Amino acid sequence: MINLILVDQEFSKLELSFKLIEINTTAARKHIGEIEQSICAIKERGRSISTVLPYTVLPKQVVIHLICYVVMFLNAMSTKTGISDTISPREIVTRHRLDWNKHYTREFGEYVEAHIDPAITNTPNSRTFTGIYLGITGNIQGTKKVLDLEAGIAKKPRSVTVLPMPDHISSQVSAWGKKYQEGEKKNKLEFLNCLQLQYN
């Protein structure tokens, strides 16, 4: 049973909504250590993945899906400080465990040829598109997400085939990143602290 909720002042309005639960709000510009530690863990893992990617600037869609990818797999592991030593937080909430053969098949940021399944199949139109692997949706089937390099949006293809990364593809992804971050000199993935200063 939940007895205490630690939040910042944005959630102070909830204090009257819960009679049997203590809502503890922090002072202005103060942070909750446990939450900050979790945020730091997400940032560290996101930064570690982005440093091995061959792109100079990450597109907005890639950054969004990178953080979703990190959070999904952090929640898929059981922790000693959690409710259970054997069941992950994700499994407790969703009631199904990620399957190694379905959900861990590709690495984030790989160059792939994504296979679509059109309704009409007797045409000469292409049934694949080139893209960057963005992880999985987290459903039972193991549906994958791919950034379409022509449209610049995330799609859910039927299946993907990993290919060697050509130089022009990494340049194309970086071009998408520069388009989203025009006027800003950002290198890959950057985070700011509570004073809005960049981590070194």
Protein backbone atom coordinates (compact mmCIF):
# COMPACT_ATOMS: atom_id res chain seq x y z
CA MET A 1 0.00 0.00 0.00
CA ILE A 2 1.27 3.49 -0.86
CA ASN A 3 1.71 5.73 2.19
CA LEU A 4 3.93 8.52 0.89
CA ILE A 5 4.27 10.30 -2.47
CA LEU A 6 7.28 12.57 -3.07
CA VAL A 7 6.58 15.32 -5.64
CA ASP A 8 7.60 18.86 -6.51
CA GLN A 9 5.35 21.91 -6.05
CA GLU A 10 3.58 21.40 -9.38
CA PHE A 11 1.65 18.53 -7.73
CA SER A 12 0.75 20.40 -4.52
CA LYS A 13 -2.88 20.59 -5.71
CA LEU A 14 -3.17 16.84 -5.14
CA GLU A 15 -2.74 17.15 -1.37
CA LEU A 16 -6.50 17.50 -0.79
CA SER A 17 -7.36 14.66 -3.19
CA PHE A 18 -5.73 11.89 -1.12
CA LYS A 19 -6.93 11.51 2.47
CA LEU A 20 -4.93 8.46 3.57
CA ILE A 21 -1.73 9.16 1.61
CA GLU A 22 0.82 11.76 2.60
CA ILE A 23 1.79 14.06 -0.30
CA ASN A 24 5.23 15.53 0.42
CA THR A 25 6.08 18.52 -1.80
CA THR A 26 9.58 19.95 -2.01
CA ALA A 27 10.57 23.59 -1.65
CA ALA A 28 10.98 25.83 -4.70
CA ARG A 29 13.89 24.80 -6.96
CA LYS A 30 14.62 21.74 -4.80
CA HIS A 31 14.74 18.23 -6.16
CA ILE A 32 13.90 14.78 -4.84
CA GLY A 33 17.06 12.71 -4.67
CA GLU A 34 15.52 9.36 -5.63
CA ILE A 35 13.83 10.81 -8.70
CA GLU A 36 16.95 12.74 -9.74
CA GLN A 37 18.99 9.55 -9.45
CA SER A 38 16.58 7.72 -11.77
CA ILE A 39 16.69 10.59 -14.25
CA CYS A 40 20.51 10.55 -14.16
CA ALA A 41 20.50 6.80 -14.87
CA ILE A 42 18.28 7.35 -17.93
CA LYS A 43 20.49 10.18 -19.18
CA GLU A 44 23.69 8.17 -18.69
CA ARG A 45 22.39 5.19 -20.62
CA GLY A 46 20.97 7.40 -23.37
CA ARG A 47 24.30 9.18 -23.68
CA SER A 48 26.26 5.90 -23.73
CA ILE A 49 24.14 4.61 -26.63
CA SER A 50 24.36 7.89 -28.56
CA THR A 51 28.17 8.00 -28.33
CA VAL A 52 28.57 4.80 -30.35
CA LEU A 53 26.15 5.90 -33.08
CA PRO A 54 27.82 7.09 -36.31
CA TYR A 55 25.75 10.30 -36.50
CA THR A 56 27.04 13.76 -35.65
CA VAL A 57 23.60 15.19 -34.79
CA LEU A 58 20.57 13.16 -33.75
CA PRO A 59 17.14 13.95 -35.22
CA LYS A 60 14.36 14.78 -32.77
CA GLN A 61 12.54 11.51 -33.48
CA VAL A 62 15.69 9.50 -32.73
CA VAL A 63 16.19 11.29 -29.39
CA ILE A 64 12.56 10.68 -28.34
CA HIS A 65 12.70 6.99 -29.21
CA LEU A 66 16.15 6.61 -27.65
CA ILE A 67 14.80 7.73 -24.26
CA CYS A 68 11.76 5.41 -24.67
CA TYR A 69 14.17 2.56 -25.54
CA VAL A 70 16.30 3.20 -22.44
CA VAL A 71 13.30 3.49 -20.08
CA MET A 72 11.70 0.32 -21.46
CA PHE A 73 14.78 -1.82 -20.87
CA LEU A 74 15.56 -0.26 -17.48
CA ASN A 75 12.03 -1.17 -16.36
CA ALA A 76 12.42 -4.67 -17.84
CA MET A 77 15.07 -5.58 -15.24
CA SER A 78 14.24 -6.53 -11.67
CA THR A 79 15.87 -4.47 -8.91
CA LYS A 80 16.87 -5.28 -5.34
CA THR A 81 15.11 -2.16 -4.06
CA GLY A 82 11.87 -2.90 -5.93
CA ILE A 83 8.74 -4.81 -4.93
CA SER A 84 10.10 -8.11 -6.27
CA ASP A 85 13.60 -9.56 -6.71
CA THR A 86 12.54 -11.73 -9.65
CA ILE A 87 9.77 -9.80 -11.44
CA SER A 88 10.60 -6.55 -13.22
CA PRO A 89 8.57 -3.33 -12.72
CA ARG A 90 7.49 -3.52 -16.36
CA GLU A 91 6.22 -7.08 -15.96
CA ILE A 92 4.27 -6.13 -12.82
CA VAL A 93 2.46 -3.34 -14.70
CA THR A 94 1.99 -4.91 -18.17
CA ARG A 95 1.69 -8.55 -16.98
CA HIS A 96 3.98 -9.90 -19.66
CA ARG A 97 7.74 -10.37 -19.84
CA LEU A 98 9.88 -9.27 -22.76
CA ASP A 99 11.01 -12.24 -24.84
CA TRP A 100 14.70 -12.34 -25.82
CA ASN A 101 14.01 -13.74 -29.32
CA LYS A 102 11.32 -11.16 -30.12
CA HIS A 103 12.40 -7.99 -28.33
CA TYR A 104 16.23 -8.06 -28.24
CA THR A 105 16.96 -8.79 -31.89
CA ARG A 106 18.52 -5.49 -33.06
CA GLU A 107 20.68 -2.67 -31.72
CA PHE A 108 19.36 0.87 -31.50
CA GLY A 109 20.42 3.09 -34.42
CA GLU A 110 21.30 0.32 -36.87
CA TYR A 111 20.73 0.84 -40.59
CA VAL A 112 17.87 -1.42 -41.73
CA GLU A 113 15.72 -2.22 -44.72
CA ALA A 114 12.16 -2.23 -43.37
CA HIS A 115 9.59 -4.51 -44.98
CA ILE A 116 6.05 -3.20 -45.30
CA ASP A 117 2.97 -5.29 -45.99
CA PRO A 118 0.80 -3.38 -48.49
CA ALA A 119 -2.85 -4.27 -48.98
CA ILE A 120 -2.34 -4.53 -52.76
CA THR A 121 0.67 -6.69 -53.61
CA ASN A 122 0.45 -7.04 -57.40
CA THR A 123 2.06 -3.68 -58.20
CA PRO A 124 5.68 -2.79 -59.05
CA ASN A 125 5.90 -0.43 -56.06
CA SER A 126 8.67 -0.98 -53.55
CA ARG A 127 7.78 -3.06 -50.51
CA THR A 128 10.69 -1.85 -48.40
CA PHE A 129 12.13 1.45 -47.20
CA THR A 130 15.49 2.38 -45.73
CA GLY A 131 15.56 3.48 -42.14
CA ILE A 132 17.18 3.58 -38.73
CA TYR A 133 16.12 1.06 -36.10
CA LEU A 134 14.42 2.77 -33.13
CA GLY A 135 13.66 -0.21 -30.89
CA ILE A 136 10.39 -1.96 -30.16
CA THR A 137 6.90 -0.83 -29.19
CA GLY A 138 6.87 -3.22 -26.24
CA ASN A 139 3.85 -5.25 -27.32
CA ILE A 140 3.71 -9.05 -27.10
CA GLN A 141 4.39 -9.49 -30.84
CA GLY A 142 7.69 -7.55 -30.70
CA THR A 143 6.67 -4.87 -33.22
CA LYS A 144 9.66 -2.81 -34.30
CA LYS A 145 9.96 0.96 -34.88
CA VAL A 146 12.00 2.40 -37.75
CA LEU A 147 12.76 5.99 -38.74
CA ASP A 148 11.87 6.36 -42.42
CA LEU A 149 14.80 8.30 -43.89
CA GLU A 150 12.71 9.69 -46.75
CA ALA A 151 9.75 10.95 -44.71
CA GLY A 152 11.58 11.59 -41.43
CA ILE A 153 8.90 9.89 -39.34
CA ALA A 154 8.80 6.71 -37.23
CA LYS A 155 6.95 3.75 -38.75
CA LYS A 156 6.10 0.21 -37.61
CA PRO A 157 7.10 -2.20 -40.39
CA ARG A 158 6.30 -5.90 -40.56
CA SER A 159 9.97 -6.90 -40.27
CA VAL A 160 13.47 -5.47 -40.74
CA THR A 161 16.76 -6.61 -42.26
CA VAL A 162 20.00 -5.15 -40.89
CA LEU A 163 22.47 -3.92 -43.52
CA PRO A 164 26.00 -2.46 -43.32
CA MET A 165 25.92 1.32 -42.73
CA PRO A 166 26.92 3.29 -45.86
CA ASP A 167 28.54 6.72 -45.37
CA HIS A 168 25.74 8.58 -47.14
CA ILE A 169 23.16 7.20 -44.70
CA SER A 170 24.95 8.55 -41.62
CA SER A 171 25.20 11.91 -43.41
CA GLN A 172 21.48 11.79 -44.22
CA VAL A 173 20.54 11.09 -40.59
CA SER A 174 22.80 13.92 -39.42
CA ALA A 175 21.12 16.21 -41.99
CA TRP A 176 17.72 15.38 -40.46
CA GLY A 177 19.19 16.20 -37.05
CA LYS A 178 20.51 19.57 -38.22
CA LYS A 179 17.13 20.36 -39.75
CA TYR A 180 15.42 19.87 -36.37
CA GLN A 181 18.13 21.74 -34.46
CA GLU A 182 18.72 24.66 -36.83
CA GLY A 183 20.61 27.53 -35.29
CA GLU A 184 21.82 25.44 -32.37
CA LYS A 185 25.29 23.94 -32.17
CA LYS A 186 24.45 20.63 -30.60
CA ASN A 187 26.65 17.58 -30.79
CA LYS A 188 24.64 14.38 -30.48
CA LEU A 189 22.73 14.23 -27.17
CA GLU A 190 23.12 16.91 -24.51
CA PHE A 191 21.60 17.28 -21.04
CA LEU A 192 21.27 20.27 -18.71
CA ASN A 193 21.37 20.28 -14.92
CA CYS A 194 18.84 22.01 -12.64
CA LEU A 195 20.62 25.36 -13.27
CA GLN A 196 20.20 24.89 -17.06
CA LEU A 197 23.98 24.38 -17.46
CA GLN A 198 25.39 21.69 -19.72
CA TYR A 199 26.98 18.64 -18.12
CA ASN A 200 30.71 18.33 -18.93
